[in-house]
Amino acid sequence: MNLKIRSPGYVIELARKMRLNLIAIEIDGDIHKLRQEYDEYRDNFLKSIGISTLRFTYEDVIHNINHVLADIKKNLIL
């Protein structure tokens, strides 16, 4: 089941329900280097409502997609 969750200031673009666990997948660009505190706050909020966050850099998605997909798959199986 794909979800779009809206919360003040952000939208979770992709989450997958698997055994009552929700996973948000984040693709972080360069801007995230400047907003690590906000990302940590956001991840803690999501965790508090039962959503785990998987973070990947834009560079990983472009240059190491097999690793990204394997990590996503591993976390969906858990």
C-alpha atoms as a PDB file:
ATOM      1  CA  MET A   1       0.000   0.000   0.000  1.00  0.00           C
ATOM      2  CA  ASN A   2       1.495   3.354  -1.004  1.00  0.00           C
ATOM      3  CA  LEU A   3       0.656   6.327   1.174  1.00  0.00           C
ATOM      4  CA  LYS A   4       1.009  10.052   1.007  1.00  0.00           C
ATOM      5  CA  ILE A   5       1.077  11.555   4.485  1.00  0.00           C
ATOM      6  CA  ARG A   6       0.759  15.288   4.891  1.00  0.00           C
ATOM      7  CA  SER A   7       1.988  16.943   8.040  1.00  0.00           C
ATOM      8  CA  PRO A   8       2.851  20.564   8.828  1.00  0.00           C
ATOM      9  CA  GLY A   9       5.774  21.517   6.634  1.00  0.00           C
ATOM     10  CA  TYR A  10       6.338  18.285   4.718  1.00  0.00           C
ATOM     11  CA  VAL A  11       4.848  15.413   2.776  1.00  0.00           C
ATOM     12  CA  ILE A  12       5.982  11.823   3.023  1.00  0.00           C
ATOM     13  CA  GLU A  13       6.198  10.901  -0.626  1.00  0.00           C
ATOM     14  CA  LEU A  14       6.561   7.168  -0.318  1.00  0.00           C
ATOM     15  CA  ALA A  15       5.765   4.798   2.469  1.00  0.00           C
ATOM     16  CA  ARG A  16       5.109   1.097   2.322  1.00  0.00           C
ATOM     17  CA  LYS A  17       3.014  -0.813   4.820  1.00  0.00           C
ATOM     18  CA  MET A  18       4.618  -4.107   5.667  1.00  0.00           C
ATOM     19  CA  ARG A  19       3.546  -6.150   8.696  1.00  0.00           C
ATOM     20  CA  LEU A  20       2.153  -3.034  10.354  1.00  0.00           C
ATOM     21  CA  ASN A  21       5.472  -1.201   9.874  1.00  0.00           C
ATOM     22  CA  LEU A  22       5.649   1.935   7.787  1.00  0.00           C
ATOM     23  CA  ILE A  23       8.811   2.978   6.000  1.00  0.00           C
ATOM     24  CA  ALA A  24       9.450   6.412   4.537  1.00  0.00           C
ATOM     25  CA  ILE A  25      12.114   6.531   1.827  1.00  0.00           C
ATOM     26  CA  GLU A  26      14.014   9.817   1.592  1.00  0.00           C
ATOM     27  CA  ILE A  27      16.327  10.845  -1.232  1.00  0.00           C
ATOM     28  CA  ASP A  28      18.544  13.575   0.199  1.00  0.00           C
ATOM     29  CA  GLY A  29      20.156  16.197  -1.986  1.00  0.00           C
ATOM     30  CA  ASP A  30      22.789  18.730  -0.984  1.00  0.00           C
ATOM     31  CA  ILE A  31      20.267  20.870   0.943  1.00  0.00           C
ATOM     32  CA  HIS A  32      20.044  18.163   3.596  1.00  0.00           C
ATOM     33  CA  LYS A  33      23.645  18.862   4.630  1.00  0.00           C
ATOM     34  CA  LEU A  34      22.387  22.236   5.859  1.00  0.00           C
ATOM     35  CA  ARG A  35      19.275  20.936   7.604  1.00  0.00           C
ATOM     36  CA  GLN A  36      20.423  17.886   9.519  1.00  0.00           C
ATOM     37  CA  GLU A  37      18.783  19.097  12.732  1.00  0.00           C
ATOM     38  CA  TYR A  38      15.422  19.467  10.975  1.00  0.00           C
ATOM     39  CA  ASP A  39      15.780  16.032   9.363  1.00  0.00           C
ATOM     40  CA  GLU A  40      16.546  14.503  12.764  1.00  0.00           C
ATOM     41  CA  TYR A  41      13.499  16.219  14.278  1.00  0.00           C
ATOM     42  CA  ARG A  42      11.345  15.006  11.395  1.00  0.00           C
ATOM     43  CA  ASP A  43      12.685  11.442  11.619  1.00  0.00           C
ATOM     44  CA  ASN A  44      11.984  11.400  15.376  1.00  0.00           C
ATOM     45  CA  PHE A  45       8.437  12.635  14.755  1.00  0.00           C
ATOM     46  CA  LEU A  46       7.860   9.950  12.140  1.00  0.00           C
ATOM     47  CA  LYS A  47       9.305   7.316  14.456  1.00  0.00           C
ATOM     48  CA  SER A  48       6.907   8.461  17.187  1.00  0.00           C
ATOM     49  CA  ILE A  49       3.962   7.626  14.914  1.00  0.00           C
ATOM     50  CA  GLY A  50       5.411   4.305  13.793  1.00  0.00           C
ATOM     51  CA  ILE A  51       7.199   5.272  10.579  1.00  0.00           C
ATOM     52  CA  SER A  52      10.863   4.340  10.095  1.00  0.00           C
ATOM     53  CA  THR A  53      12.949   6.457   7.715  1.00  0.00           C
ATOM     54  CA  LEU A  54      15.396   5.115   5.166  1.00  0.00           C
ATOM     55  CA  ARG A  55      17.698   7.854   3.871  1.00  0.00           C
ATOM     56  CA  PHE A  56      19.769   7.737   0.727  1.00  0.00           C
ATOM     57  CA  THR A  57      21.824  10.434  -0.892  1.00  0.00           C
ATOM     58  CA  TYR A  58      21.032  11.582  -4.388  1.00  0.00           C
ATOM     59  CA  GLU A  59      24.525  10.439  -5.367  1.00  0.00           C
ATOM     60  CA  ASP A  60      23.833   6.910  -4.077  1.00  0.00           C
ATOM     61  CA  VAL A  61      20.632   6.712  -6.085  1.00  0.00           C
ATOM     62  CA  ILE A  62      22.430   7.828  -9.248  1.00  0.00           C
ATOM     63  CA  HIS A  63      25.724   5.956  -8.825  1.00  0.00           C
ATOM     64  CA  ASN A  64      24.907   2.990  -6.570  1.00  0.00           C
ATOM     65  CA  ILE A  65      21.281   2.113  -7.245  1.00  0.00           C
ATOM     66  CA  ASN A  66      21.818  -1.620  -6.661  1.00  0.00           C
ATOM     67  CA  HIS A  67      22.896  -0.939  -3.078  1.00  0.00           C
ATOM     68  CA  VAL A  68      19.912   1.380  -2.561  1.00  0.00           C
ATOM     69  CA  LEU A  69      17.450  -1.182  -3.893  1.00  0.00           C
ATOM     70  CA  ALA A  70      19.019  -3.976  -1.828  1.00  0.00           C
ATOM     71  CA  ASP A  71      18.747  -1.858   1.325  1.00  0.00           C
ATOM     72  CA  ILE A  72      15.109  -1.036   0.595  1.00  0.00           C
ATOM     73  CA  LYS A  73      14.346  -4.694  -0.069  1.00  0.00           C
ATOM     74  CA  LYS A  74      16.109  -5.757   3.142  1.00  0.00           C
ATOM     75  CA  ASN A  75      14.039  -3.310   5.170  1.00  0.00           C
ATOM     76  CA  LEU A  76      10.764  -4.322   3.532  1.00  0.00           C
ATOM     77  CA  ILE A  77      11.392  -7.944   4.432  1.00  0.00           C
ATOM     78  CA  LEU A  78      12.071  -7.233   8.124  1.00  0.00           C
END
